[in-house]
Amino acid sequence: HINCFQGEGSHGVILFLYSLLFSR
């Protein structure tokens, strides 16, 4: 699902930030 983080308009950095918070 790498395009969910790389694609324009994907909000990839926000998704990763949420992922970090939920992982922690």
PDBML (XML) file of the C-alpha atoms, coordinates in Angstrom:
<?xml version="1.0" encoding="UTF-8" ?>
<PDBx:datablock datablockName="MODEL"
   xmlns:PDBx="http://pdbml.pdb.org/schema/pdbx-v50.xsd"
   xmlns:xsi="http://www.w3.org/2001/XMLSchema-instance"
   xsi:schemaLocation="http://pdbml.pdb.org/schema/pdbx-v50.xsd pdbx-v50.xsd">
   <PDBx:atom_siteCategory>
      <PDBx:atom_site id="1">
         <PDBx:B_iso_or_equiv>0.00</PDBx:B_iso_or_equiv>
         <PDBx:Cartn_x>0.000</PDBx:Cartn_x>
         <PDBx:Cartn_y>0.000</PDBx:Cartn_y>
         <PDBx:Cartn_z>0.000</PDBx:Cartn_z>
         <PDBx:auth_asym_id>A</PDBx:auth_asym_id>
         <PDBx:auth_atom_id>CA</PDBx:auth_atom_id>
         <PDBx:auth_comp_id>HIS</PDBx:auth_comp_id>
         <PDBx:auth_seq_id>1</PDBx:auth_seq_id>
         <PDBx:group_PDB>ATOM</PDBx:group_PDB>
         <PDBx:label_alt_id xsi:nil="true" />
         <PDBx:label_asym_id>A</PDBx:label_asym_id>
         <PDBx:label_atom_id>CA</PDBx:label_atom_id>
         <PDBx:label_comp_id>HIS</PDBx:label_comp_id>
         <PDBx:label_entity_id>1</PDBx:label_entity_id>
         <PDBx:label_seq_id>1</PDBx:label_seq_id>
         <PDBx:occupancy>1.00</PDBx:occupancy>
         <PDBx:pdbx_PDB_model_num>1</PDBx:pdbx_PDB_model_num>
         <PDBx:type_symbol>C</PDBx:type_symbol>
      </PDBx:atom_site>
      <PDBx:atom_site id="2">
         <PDBx:B_iso_or_equiv>0.00</PDBx:B_iso_or_equiv>
         <PDBx:Cartn_x>2.989</PDBx:Cartn_x>
         <PDBx:Cartn_y>2.316</PDBx:Cartn_y>
         <PDBx:Cartn_z>-0.480</PDBx:Cartn_z>
         <PDBx:auth_asym_id>A</PDBx:auth_asym_id>
         <PDBx:auth_atom_id>CA</PDBx:auth_atom_id>
         <PDBx:auth_comp_id>ILE</PDBx:auth_comp_id>
         <PDBx:auth_seq_id>2</PDBx:auth_seq_id>
         <PDBx:group_PDB>ATOM</PDBx:group_PDB>
         <PDBx:label_alt_id xsi:nil="true" />
         <PDBx:label_asym_id>A</PDBx:label_asym_id>
         <PDBx:label_atom_id>CA</PDBx:label_atom_id>
         <PDBx:label_comp_id>ILE</PDBx:label_comp_id>
         <PDBx:label_entity_id>1</PDBx:label_entity_id>
         <PDBx:label_seq_id>2</PDBx:label_seq_id>
         <PDBx:occupancy>1.00</PDBx:occupancy>
         <PDBx:pdbx_PDB_model_num>1</PDBx:pdbx_PDB_model_num>
         <PDBx:type_symbol>C</PDBx:type_symbol>
      </PDBx:atom_site>
      <PDBx:atom_site id="3">
         <PDBx:B_iso_or_equiv>0.00</PDBx:B_iso_or_equiv>
         <PDBx:Cartn_x>1.007</PDBx:Cartn_x>
         <PDBx:Cartn_y>4.585</PDBx:Cartn_y>
         <PDBx:Cartn_z>-2.836</PDBx:Cartn_z>
         <PDBx:auth_asym_id>A</PDBx:auth_asym_id>
         <PDBx:auth_atom_id>CA</PDBx:auth_atom_id>
         <PDBx:auth_comp_id>ASN</PDBx:auth_comp_id>
         <PDBx:auth_seq_id>3</PDBx:auth_seq_id>
         <PDBx:group_PDB>ATOM</PDBx:group_PDB>
         <PDBx:label_alt_id xsi:nil="true" />
         <PDBx:label_asym_id>A</PDBx:label_asym_id>
         <PDBx:label_atom_id>CA</PDBx:label_atom_id>
         <PDBx:label_comp_id>ASN</PDBx:label_comp_id>
         <PDBx:label_entity_id>1</PDBx:label_entity_id>
         <PDBx:label_seq_id>3</PDBx:label_seq_id>
         <PDBx:occupancy>1.00</PDBx:occupancy>
         <PDBx:pdbx_PDB_model_num>1</PDBx:pdbx_PDB_model_num>
         <PDBx:type_symbol>C</PDBx:type_symbol>
      </PDBx:atom_site>
      <PDBx:atom_site id="4">
         <PDBx:B_iso_or_equiv>0.00</PDBx:B_iso_or_equiv>
         <PDBx:Cartn_x>-1.217</PDBx:Cartn_x>
         <PDBx:Cartn_y>5.464</PDBx:Cartn_y>
         <PDBx:Cartn_z>0.130</PDBx:Cartn_z>
         <PDBx:auth_asym_id>A</PDBx:auth_asym_id>
         <PDBx:auth_atom_id>CA</PDBx:auth_atom_id>
         <PDBx:auth_comp_id>CYS</PDBx:auth_comp_id>
         <PDBx:auth_seq_id>4</PDBx:auth_seq_id>
         <PDBx:group_PDB>ATOM</PDBx:group_PDB>
         <PDBx:label_alt_id xsi:nil="true" />
         <PDBx:label_asym_id>A</PDBx:label_asym_id>
         <PDBx:label_atom_id>CA</PDBx:label_atom_id>
         <PDBx:label_comp_id>CYS</PDBx:label_comp_id>
         <PDBx:label_entity_id>1</PDBx:label_entity_id>
         <PDBx:label_seq_id>4</PDBx:label_seq_id>
         <PDBx:occupancy>1.00</PDBx:occupancy>
         <PDBx:pdbx_PDB_model_num>1</PDBx:pdbx_PDB_model_num>
         <PDBx:type_symbol>C</PDBx:type_symbol>
      </PDBx:atom_site>
      <PDBx:atom_site id="5">
         <PDBx:B_iso_or_equiv>0.00</PDBx:B_iso_or_equiv>
         <PDBx:Cartn_x>1.823</PDBx:Cartn_x>
         <PDBx:Cartn_y>7.232</PDBx:Cartn_y>
         <PDBx:Cartn_z>1.588</PDBx:Cartn_z>
         <PDBx:auth_asym_id>A</PDBx:auth_asym_id>
         <PDBx:auth_atom_id>CA</PDBx:auth_atom_id>
         <PDBx:auth_comp_id>PHE</PDBx:auth_comp_id>
         <PDBx:auth_seq_id>5</PDBx:auth_seq_id>
         <PDBx:group_PDB>ATOM</PDBx:group_PDB>
         <PDBx:label_alt_id xsi:nil="true" />
         <PDBx:label_asym_id>A</PDBx:label_asym_id>
         <PDBx:label_atom_id>CA</PDBx:label_atom_id>
         <PDBx:label_comp_id>PHE</PDBx:label_comp_id>
         <PDBx:label_entity_id>1</PDBx:label_entity_id>
         <PDBx:label_seq_id>5</PDBx:label_seq_id>
         <PDBx:occupancy>1.00</PDBx:occupancy>
         <PDBx:pdbx_PDB_model_num>1</PDBx:pdbx_PDB_model_num>
         <PDBx:type_symbol>C</PDBx:type_symbol>
      </PDBx:atom_site>
      <PDBx:atom_site id="6">
         <PDBx:B_iso_or_equiv>0.00</PDBx:B_iso_or_equiv>
         <PDBx:Cartn_x>3.525</PDBx:Cartn_x>
         <PDBx:Cartn_y>8.447</PDBx:Cartn_y>
         <PDBx:Cartn_z>-1.604</PDBx:Cartn_z>
         <PDBx:auth_asym_id>A</PDBx:auth_asym_id>
         <PDBx:auth_atom_id>CA</PDBx:auth_atom_id>
         <PDBx:auth_comp_id>GLN</PDBx:auth_comp_id>
         <PDBx:auth_seq_id>6</PDBx:auth_seq_id>
         <PDBx:group_PDB>ATOM</PDBx:group_PDB>
         <PDBx:label_alt_id xsi:nil="true" />
         <PDBx:label_asym_id>A</PDBx:label_asym_id>
         <PDBx:label_atom_id>CA</PDBx:label_atom_id>
         <PDBx:label_comp_id>GLN</PDBx:label_comp_id>
         <PDBx:label_entity_id>1</PDBx:label_entity_id>
         <PDBx:label_seq_id>6</PDBx:label_seq_id>
         <PDBx:occupancy>1.00</PDBx:occupancy>
         <PDBx:pdbx_PDB_model_num>1</PDBx:pdbx_PDB_model_num>
         <PDBx:type_symbol>C</PDBx:type_symbol>
      </PDBx:atom_site>
      <PDBx:atom_site id="7">
         <PDBx:B_iso_or_equiv>0.00</PDBx:B_iso_or_equiv>
         <PDBx:Cartn_x>0.725</PDBx:Cartn_x>
         <PDBx:Cartn_y>9.619</PDBx:Cartn_y>
         <PDBx:Cartn_z>-3.850</PDBx:Cartn_z>
         <PDBx:auth_asym_id>A</PDBx:auth_asym_id>
         <PDBx:auth_atom_id>CA</PDBx:auth_atom_id>
         <PDBx:auth_comp_id>GLY</PDBx:auth_comp_id>
         <PDBx:auth_seq_id>7</PDBx:auth_seq_id>
         <PDBx:group_PDB>ATOM</PDBx:group_PDB>
         <PDBx:label_alt_id xsi:nil="true" />
         <PDBx:label_asym_id>A</PDBx:label_asym_id>
         <PDBx:label_atom_id>CA</PDBx:label_atom_id>
         <PDBx:label_comp_id>GLY</PDBx:label_comp_id>
         <PDBx:label_entity_id>1</PDBx:label_entity_id>
         <PDBx:label_seq_id>7</PDBx:label_seq_id>
         <PDBx:occupancy>1.00</PDBx:occupancy>
         <PDBx:pdbx_PDB_model_num>1</PDBx:pdbx_PDB_model_num>
         <PDBx:type_symbol>C</PDBx:type_symbol>
      </PDBx:atom_site>
      <PDBx:atom_site id="8">
         <PDBx:B_iso_or_equiv>0.00</PDBx:B_iso_or_equiv>
         <PDBx:Cartn_x>-0.171</PDBx:Cartn_x>
         <PDBx:Cartn_y>13.256</PDBx:Cartn_y>
         <PDBx:Cartn_z>-4.253</PDBx:Cartn_z>
         <PDBx:auth_asym_id>A</PDBx:auth_asym_id>
         <PDBx:auth_atom_id>CA</PDBx:auth_atom_id>
         <PDBx:auth_comp_id>GLU</PDBx:auth_comp_id>
         <PDBx:auth_seq_id>8</PDBx:auth_seq_id>
         <PDBx:group_PDB>ATOM</PDBx:group_PDB>
         <PDBx:label_alt_id xsi:nil="true" />
         <PDBx:label_asym_id>A</PDBx:label_asym_id>
         <PDBx:label_atom_id>CA</PDBx:label_atom_id>
         <PDBx:label_comp_id>GLU</PDBx:label_comp_id>
         <PDBx:label_entity_id>1</PDBx:label_entity_id>
         <PDBx:label_seq_id>8</PDBx:label_seq_id>
         <PDBx:occupancy>1.00</PDBx:occupancy>
         <PDBx:pdbx_PDB_model_num>1</PDBx:pdbx_PDB_model_num>
         <PDBx:type_symbol>C</PDBx:type_symbol>
      </PDBx:atom_site>
      <PDBx:atom_site id="9">
         <PDBx:B_iso_or_equiv>0.00</PDBx:B_iso_or_equiv>
         <PDBx:Cartn_x>-3.289</PDBx:Cartn_x>
         <PDBx:Cartn_y>14.011</PDBx:Cartn_y>
         <PDBx:Cartn_z>-2.243</PDBx:Cartn_z>
         <PDBx:auth_asym_id>A</PDBx:auth_asym_id>
         <PDBx:auth_atom_id>CA</PDBx:auth_atom_id>
         <PDBx:auth_comp_id>GLY</PDBx:auth_comp_id>
         <PDBx:auth_seq_id>9</PDBx:auth_seq_id>
         <PDBx:group_PDB>ATOM</PDBx:group_PDB>
         <PDBx:label_alt_id xsi:nil="true" />
         <PDBx:label_asym_id>A</PDBx:label_asym_id>
         <PDBx:label_atom_id>CA</PDBx:label_atom_id>
         <PDBx:label_comp_id>GLY</PDBx:label_comp_id>
         <PDBx:label_entity_id>1</PDBx:label_entity_id>
         <PDBx:label_seq_id>9</PDBx:label_seq_id>
         <PDBx:occupancy>1.00</PDBx:occupancy>
         <PDBx:pdbx_PDB_model_num>1</PDBx:pdbx_PDB_model_num>
         <PDBx:type_symbol>C</PDBx:type_symbol>
      </PDBx:atom_site>
      <PDBx:atom_site id="10">
         <PDBx:B_iso_or_equiv>0.00</PDBx:B_iso_or_equiv>
         <PDBx:Cartn_x>-2.773</PDBx:Cartn_x>
         <PDBx:Cartn_y>10.870</PDBx:Cartn_y>
         <PDBx:Cartn_z>-0.146</PDBx:Cartn_z>
         <PDBx:auth_asym_id>A</PDBx:auth_asym_id>
         <PDBx:auth_atom_id>CA</PDBx:auth_atom_id>
         <PDBx:auth_comp_id>SER</PDBx:auth_comp_id>
         <PDBx:auth_seq_id>10</PDBx:auth_seq_id>
         <PDBx:group_PDB>ATOM</PDBx:group_PDB>
         <PDBx:label_alt_id xsi:nil="true" />
         <PDBx:label_asym_id>A</PDBx:label_asym_id>
         <PDBx:label_atom_id>CA</PDBx:label_atom_id>
         <PDBx:label_comp_id>SER</PDBx:label_comp_id>
         <PDBx:label_entity_id>1</PDBx:label_entity_id>
         <PDBx:label_seq_id>10</PDBx:label_seq_id>
         <PDBx:occupancy>1.00</PDBx:occupancy>
         <PDBx:pdbx_PDB_model_num>1</PDBx:pdbx_PDB_model_num>
         <PDBx:type_symbol>C</PDBx:type_symbol>
      </PDBx:atom_site>
      <PDBx:atom_site id="11">
         <PDBx:B_iso_or_equiv>0.00</PDBx:B_iso_or_equiv>
         <PDBx:Cartn_x>-2.155</PDBx:Cartn_x>
         <PDBx:Cartn_y>12.746</PDBx:Cartn_y>
         <PDBx:Cartn_z>3.122</PDBx:Cartn_z>
         <PDBx:auth_asym_id>A</PDBx:auth_asym_id>
         <PDBx:auth_atom_id>CA</PDBx:auth_atom_id>
         <PDBx:auth_comp_id>HIS</PDBx:auth_comp_id>
         <PDBx:auth_seq_id>11</PDBx:auth_seq_id>
         <PDBx:group_PDB>ATOM</PDBx:group_PDB>
         <PDBx:label_alt_id xsi:nil="true" />
         <PDBx:label_asym_id>A</PDBx:label_asym_id>
         <PDBx:label_atom_id>CA</PDBx:label_atom_id>
         <PDBx:label_comp_id>HIS</PDBx:label_comp_id>
         <PDBx:label_entity_id>1</PDBx:label_entity_id>
         <PDBx:label_seq_id>11</PDBx:label_seq_id>
         <PDBx:occupancy>1.00</PDBx:occupancy>
         <PDBx:pdbx_PDB_model_num>1</PDBx:pdbx_PDB_model_num>
         <PDBx:type_symbol>C</PDBx:type_symbol>
      </PDBx:atom_site>
      <PDBx:atom_site id="12">
         <PDBx:B_iso_or_equiv>0.00</PDBx:B_iso_or_equiv>
         <PDBx:Cartn_x>0.767</PDBx:Cartn_x>
         <PDBx:Cartn_y>10.320</PDBx:Cartn_y>
         <PDBx:Cartn_z>3.526</PDBx:Cartn_z>
         <PDBx:auth_asym_id>A</PDBx:auth_asym_id>
         <PDBx:auth_atom_id>CA</PDBx:auth_atom_id>
         <PDBx:auth_comp_id>GLY</PDBx:auth_comp_id>
         <PDBx:auth_seq_id>12</PDBx:auth_seq_id>
         <PDBx:group_PDB>ATOM</PDBx:group_PDB>
         <PDBx:label_alt_id xsi:nil="true" />
         <PDBx:label_asym_id>A</PDBx:label_asym_id>
         <PDBx:label_atom_id>CA</PDBx:label_atom_id>
         <PDBx:label_comp_id>GLY</PDBx:label_comp_id>
         <PDBx:label_entity_id>1</PDBx:label_entity_id>
         <PDBx:label_seq_id>12</PDBx:label_seq_id>
         <PDBx:occupancy>1.00</PDBx:occupancy>
         <PDBx:pdbx_PDB_model_num>1</PDBx:pdbx_PDB_model_num>
         <PDBx:type_symbol>C</PDBx:type_symbol>
      </PDBx:atom_site>
      <PDBx:atom_site id="13">
         <PDBx:B_iso_or_equiv>0.00</PDBx:B_iso_or_equiv>
         <PDBx:Cartn_x>2.560</PDBx:Cartn_x>
         <PDBx:Cartn_y>12.195</PDBx:Cartn_y>
         <PDBx:Cartn_z>6.299</PDBx:Cartn_z>
         <PDBx:auth_asym_id>A</PDBx:auth_asym_id>
         <PDBx:auth_atom_id>CA</PDBx:auth_atom_id>
         <PDBx:auth_comp_id>VAL</PDBx:auth_comp_id>
         <PDBx:auth_seq_id>13</PDBx:auth_seq_id>
         <PDBx:group_PDB>ATOM</PDBx:group_PDB>
         <PDBx:label_alt_id xsi:nil="true" />
         <PDBx:label_asym_id>A</PDBx:label_asym_id>
         <PDBx:label_atom_id>CA</PDBx:label_atom_id>
         <PDBx:label_comp_id>VAL</PDBx:label_comp_id>
         <PDBx:label_entity_id>1</PDBx:label_entity_id>
         <PDBx:label_seq_id>13</PDBx:label_seq_id>
         <PDBx:occupancy>1.00</PDBx:occupancy>
         <PDBx:pdbx_PDB_model_num>1</PDBx:pdbx_PDB_model_num>
         <PDBx:type_symbol>C</PDBx:type_symbol>
      </PDBx:atom_site>
      <PDBx:atom_site id="14">
         <PDBx:B_iso_or_equiv>0.00</PDBx:B_iso_or_equiv>
         <PDBx:Cartn_x>-0.638</PDBx:Cartn_x>
         <PDBx:Cartn_y>12.579</PDBx:Cartn_y>
         <PDBx:Cartn_z>8.337</PDBx:Cartn_z>
         <PDBx:auth_asym_id>A</PDBx:auth_asym_id>
         <PDBx:auth_atom_id>CA</PDBx:auth_atom_id>
         <PDBx:auth_comp_id>ILE</PDBx:auth_comp_id>
         <PDBx:auth_seq_id>14</PDBx:auth_seq_id>
         <PDBx:group_PDB>ATOM</PDBx:group_PDB>
         <PDBx:label_alt_id xsi:nil="true" />
         <PDBx:label_asym_id>A</PDBx:label_asym_id>
         <PDBx:label_atom_id>CA</PDBx:label_atom_id>
         <PDBx:label_comp_id>ILE</PDBx:label_comp_id>
         <PDBx:label_entity_id>1</PDBx:label_entity_id>
         <PDBx:label_seq_id>14</PDBx:label_seq_id>
         <PDBx:occupancy>1.00</PDBx:occupancy>
         <PDBx:pdbx_PDB_model_num>1</PDBx:pdbx_PDB_model_num>
         <PDBx:type_symbol>C</PDBx:type_symbol>
      </PDBx:atom_site>
      <PDBx:atom_site id="15">
         <PDBx:B_iso_or_equiv>0.00</PDBx:B_iso_or_equiv>
         <PDBx:Cartn_x>-1.414</PDBx:Cartn_x>
         <PDBx:Cartn_y>8.870</PDBx:Cartn_y>
         <PDBx:Cartn_z>7.897</PDBx:Cartn_z>
         <PDBx:auth_asym_id>A</PDBx:auth_asym_id>
         <PDBx:auth_atom_id>CA</PDBx:auth_atom_id>
         <PDBx:auth_comp_id>LEU</PDBx:auth_comp_id>
         <PDBx:auth_seq_id>15</PDBx:auth_seq_id>
         <PDBx:group_PDB>ATOM</PDBx:group_PDB>
         <PDBx:label_alt_id xsi:nil="true" />
         <PDBx:label_asym_id>A</PDBx:label_asym_id>
         <PDBx:label_atom_id>CA</PDBx:label_atom_id>
         <PDBx:label_comp_id>LEU</PDBx:label_comp_id>
         <PDBx:label_entity_id>1</PDBx:label_entity_id>
         <PDBx:label_seq_id>15</PDBx:label_seq_id>
         <PDBx:occupancy>1.00</PDBx:occupancy>
         <PDBx:pdbx_PDB_model_num>1</PDBx:pdbx_PDB_model_num>
         <PDBx:type_symbol>C</PDBx:type_symbol>
      </PDBx:atom_site>
      <PDBx:atom_site id="16">
         <PDBx:B_iso_or_equiv>0.00</PDBx:B_iso_or_equiv>
         <PDBx:Cartn_x>2.067</PDBx:Cartn_x>
         <PDBx:Cartn_y>8.025</PDBx:Cartn_y>
         <PDBx:Cartn_z>9.125</PDBx:Cartn_z>
         <PDBx:auth_asym_id>A</PDBx:auth_asym_id>
         <PDBx:auth_atom_id>CA</PDBx:auth_atom_id>
         <PDBx:auth_comp_id>PHE</PDBx:auth_comp_id>
         <PDBx:auth_seq_id>16</PDBx:auth_seq_id>
         <PDBx:group_PDB>ATOM</PDBx:group_PDB>
         <PDBx:label_alt_id xsi:nil="true" />
         <PDBx:label_asym_id>A</PDBx:label_asym_id>
         <PDBx:label_atom_id>CA</PDBx:label_atom_id>
         <PDBx:label_comp_id>PHE</PDBx:label_comp_id>
         <PDBx:label_entity_id>1</PDBx:label_entity_id>
         <PDBx:label_seq_id>16</PDBx:label_seq_id>
         <PDBx:occupancy>1.00</PDBx:occupancy>
         <PDBx:pdbx_PDB_model_num>1</PDBx:pdbx_PDB_model_num>
         <PDBx:type_symbol>C</PDBx:type_symbol>
      </PDBx:atom_site>
      <PDBx:atom_site id="17">
         <PDBx:B_iso_or_equiv>0.00</PDBx:B_iso_or_equiv>
         <PDBx:Cartn_x>1.678</PDBx:Cartn_x>
         <PDBx:Cartn_y>10.371</PDBx:Cartn_y>
         <PDBx:Cartn_z>12.114</PDBx:Cartn_z>
         <PDBx:auth_asym_id>A</PDBx:auth_asym_id>
         <PDBx:auth_atom_id>CA</PDBx:auth_atom_id>
         <PDBx:auth_comp_id>LEU</PDBx:auth_comp_id>
         <PDBx:auth_seq_id>17</PDBx:auth_seq_id>
         <PDBx:group_PDB>ATOM</PDBx:group_PDB>
         <PDBx:label_alt_id xsi:nil="true" />
         <PDBx:label_asym_id>A</PDBx:label_asym_id>
         <PDBx:label_atom_id>CA</PDBx:label_atom_id>
         <PDBx:label_comp_id>LEU</PDBx:label_comp_id>
         <PDBx:label_entity_id>1</PDBx:label_entity_id>
         <PDBx:label_seq_id>17</PDBx:label_seq_id>
         <PDBx:occupancy>1.00</PDBx:occupancy>
         <PDBx:pdbx_PDB_model_num>1</PDBx:pdbx_PDB_model_num>
         <PDBx:type_symbol>C</PDBx:type_symbol>
      </PDBx:atom_site>
      <PDBx:atom_site id="18">
         <PDBx:B_iso_or_equiv>0.00</PDBx:B_iso_or_equiv>
         <PDBx:Cartn_x>-1.623</PDBx:Cartn_x>
         <PDBx:Cartn_y>8.682</PDBx:Cartn_y>
         <PDBx:Cartn_z>13.043</PDBx:Cartn_z>
         <PDBx:auth_asym_id>A</PDBx:auth_asym_id>
         <PDBx:auth_atom_id>CA</PDBx:auth_atom_id>
         <PDBx:auth_comp_id>TYR</PDBx:auth_comp_id>
         <PDBx:auth_seq_id>18</PDBx:auth_seq_id>
         <PDBx:group_PDB>ATOM</PDBx:group_PDB>
         <PDBx:label_alt_id xsi:nil="true" />
         <PDBx:label_asym_id>A</PDBx:label_asym_id>
         <PDBx:label_atom_id>CA</PDBx:label_atom_id>
         <PDBx:label_comp_id>TYR</PDBx:label_comp_id>
         <PDBx:label_entity_id>1</PDBx:label_entity_id>
         <PDBx:label_seq_id>18</PDBx:label_seq_id>
         <PDBx:occupancy>1.00</PDBx:occupancy>
         <PDBx:pdbx_PDB_model_num>1</PDBx:pdbx_PDB_model_num>
         <PDBx:type_symbol>C</PDBx:type_symbol>
      </PDBx:atom_site>
      <PDBx:atom_site id="19">
         <PDBx:B_iso_or_equiv>0.00</PDBx:B_iso_or_equiv>
         <PDBx:Cartn_x>0.060</PDBx:Cartn_x>
         <PDBx:Cartn_y>5.286</PDBx:Cartn_y>
         <PDBx:Cartn_z>12.599</PDBx:Cartn_z>
         <PDBx:auth_asym_id>A</PDBx:auth_asym_id>
         <PDBx:auth_atom_id>CA</PDBx:auth_atom_id>
         <PDBx:auth_comp_id>SER</PDBx:auth_comp_id>
         <PDBx:auth_seq_id>19</PDBx:auth_seq_id>
         <PDBx:group_PDB>ATOM</PDBx:group_PDB>
         <PDBx:label_alt_id xsi:nil="true" />
         <PDBx:label_asym_id>A</PDBx:label_asym_id>
         <PDBx:label_atom_id>CA</PDBx:label_atom_id>
         <PDBx:label_comp_id>SER</PDBx:label_comp_id>
         <PDBx:label_entity_id>1</PDBx:label_entity_id>
         <PDBx:label_seq_id>19</PDBx:label_seq_id>
         <PDBx:occupancy>1.00</PDBx:occupancy>
         <PDBx:pdbx_PDB_model_num>1</PDBx:pdbx_PDB_model_num>
         <PDBx:type_symbol>C</PDBx:type_symbol>
      </PDBx:atom_site>
      <PDBx:atom_site id="20">
         <PDBx:B_iso_or_equiv>0.00</PDBx:B_iso_or_equiv>
         <PDBx:Cartn_x>2.832</PDBx:Cartn_x>
         <PDBx:Cartn_y>6.339</PDBx:Cartn_y>
         <PDBx:Cartn_z>14.974</PDBx:Cartn_z>
         <PDBx:auth_asym_id>A</PDBx:auth_asym_id>
         <PDBx:auth_atom_id>CA</PDBx:auth_atom_id>
         <PDBx:auth_comp_id>LEU</PDBx:auth_comp_id>
         <PDBx:auth_seq_id>20</PDBx:auth_seq_id>
         <PDBx:group_PDB>ATOM</PDBx:group_PDB>
         <PDBx:label_alt_id xsi:nil="true" />
         <PDBx:label_asym_id>A</PDBx:label_asym_id>
         <PDBx:label_atom_id>CA</PDBx:label_atom_id>
         <PDBx:label_comp_id>LEU</PDBx:label_comp_id>
         <PDBx:label_entity_id>1</PDBx:label_entity_id>
         <PDBx:label_seq_id>20</PDBx:label_seq_id>
         <PDBx:occupancy>1.00</PDBx:occupancy>
         <PDBx:pdbx_PDB_model_num>1</PDBx:pdbx_PDB_model_num>
         <PDBx:type_symbol>C</PDBx:type_symbol>
      </PDBx:atom_site>
      <PDBx:atom_site id="21">
         <PDBx:B_iso_or_equiv>0.00</PDBx:B_iso_or_equiv>
         <PDBx:Cartn_x>0.358</PDBx:Cartn_x>
         <PDBx:Cartn_y>7.462</PDBx:Cartn_y>
         <PDBx:Cartn_z>17.608</PDBx:Cartn_z>
         <PDBx:auth_asym_id>A</PDBx:auth_asym_id>
         <PDBx:auth_atom_id>CA</PDBx:auth_atom_id>
         <PDBx:auth_comp_id>LEU</PDBx:auth_comp_id>
         <PDBx:auth_seq_id>21</PDBx:auth_seq_id>
         <PDBx:group_PDB>ATOM</PDBx:group_PDB>
         <PDBx:label_alt_id xsi:nil="true" />
         <PDBx:label_asym_id>A</PDBx:label_asym_id>
         <PDBx:label_atom_id>CA</PDBx:label_atom_id>
         <PDBx:label_comp_id>LEU</PDBx:label_comp_id>
         <PDBx:label_entity_id>1</PDBx:label_entity_id>
         <PDBx:label_seq_id>21</PDBx:label_seq_id>
         <PDBx:occupancy>1.00</PDBx:occupancy>
         <PDBx:pdbx_PDB_model_num>1</PDBx:pdbx_PDB_model_num>
         <PDBx:type_symbol>C</PDBx:type_symbol>
      </PDBx:atom_site>
      <PDBx:atom_site id="22">
         <PDBx:B_iso_or_equiv>0.00</PDBx:B_iso_or_equiv>
         <PDBx:Cartn_x>-1.717</PDBx:Cartn_x>
         <PDBx:Cartn_y>4.289</PDBx:Cartn_y>
         <PDBx:Cartn_z>17.399</PDBx:Cartn_z>
         <PDBx:auth_asym_id>A</PDBx:auth_asym_id>
         <PDBx:auth_atom_id>CA</PDBx:auth_atom_id>
         <PDBx:auth_comp_id>PHE</PDBx:auth_comp_id>
         <PDBx:auth_seq_id>22</PDBx:auth_seq_id>
         <PDBx:group_PDB>ATOM</PDBx:group_PDB>
         <PDBx:label_alt_id xsi:nil="true" />
         <PDBx:label_asym_id>A</PDBx:label_asym_id>
         <PDBx:label_atom_id>CA</PDBx:label_atom_id>
         <PDBx:label_comp_id>PHE</PDBx:label_comp_id>
         <PDBx:label_entity_id>1</PDBx:label_entity_id>
         <PDBx:label_seq_id>22</PDBx:label_seq_id>
         <PDBx:occupancy>1.00</PDBx:occupancy>
         <PDBx:pdbx_PDB_model_num>1</PDBx:pdbx_PDB_model_num>
         <PDBx:type_symbol>C</PDBx:type_symbol>
      </PDBx:atom_site>
      <PDBx:atom_site id="23">
         <PDBx:B_iso_or_equiv>0.00</PDBx:B_iso_or_equiv>
         <PDBx:Cartn_x>1.402</PDBx:Cartn_x>
         <PDBx:Cartn_y>2.088</PDBx:Cartn_y>
         <PDBx:Cartn_z>17.363</PDBx:Cartn_z>
         <PDBx:auth_asym_id>A</PDBx:auth_asym_id>
         <PDBx:auth_atom_id>CA</PDBx:auth_atom_id>
         <PDBx:auth_comp_id>SER</PDBx:auth_comp_id>
         <PDBx:auth_seq_id>23</PDBx:auth_seq_id>
         <PDBx:group_PDB>ATOM</PDBx:group_PDB>
         <PDBx:label_alt_id xsi:nil="true" />
         <PDBx:label_asym_id>A</PDBx:label_asym_id>
         <PDBx:label_atom_id>CA</PDBx:label_atom_id>
         <PDBx:label_comp_id>SER</PDBx:label_comp_id>
         <PDBx:label_entity_id>1</PDBx:label_entity_id>
         <PDBx:label_seq_id>23</PDBx:label_seq_id>
         <PDBx:occupancy>1.00</PDBx:occupancy>
         <PDBx:pdbx_PDB_model_num>1</PDBx:pdbx_PDB_model_num>
         <PDBx:type_symbol>C</PDBx:type_symbol>
      </PDBx:atom_site>
      <PDBx:atom_site id="24">
         <PDBx:B_iso_or_equiv>0.00</PDBx:B_iso_or_equiv>
         <PDBx:Cartn_x>2.693</PDBx:Cartn_x>
         <PDBx:Cartn_y>3.777</PDBx:Cartn_y>
         <PDBx:Cartn_z>20.496</PDBx:Cartn_z>
         <PDBx:auth_asym_id>A</PDBx:auth_asym_id>
         <PDBx:auth_atom_id>CA</PDBx:auth_atom_id>
         <PDBx:auth_comp_id>ARG</PDBx:auth_comp_id>
         <PDBx:auth_seq_id>24</PDBx:auth_seq_id>
         <PDBx:group_PDB>ATOM</PDBx:group_PDB>
         <PDBx:label_alt_id xsi:nil="true" />
         <PDBx:label_asym_id>A</PDBx:label_asym_id>
         <PDBx:label_atom_id>CA</PDBx:label_atom_id>
         <PDBx:label_comp_id>ARG</PDBx:label_comp_id>
         <PDBx:label_entity_id>1</PDBx:label_entity_id>
         <PDBx:label_seq_id>24</PDBx:label_seq_id>
         <PDBx:occupancy>1.00</PDBx:occupancy>
         <PDBx:pdbx_PDB_model_num>1</PDBx:pdbx_PDB_model_num>
         <PDBx:type_symbol>C</PDBx:type_symbol>
      </PDBx:atom_site>
   </PDBx:atom_siteCategory>
</PDBx:datablock>
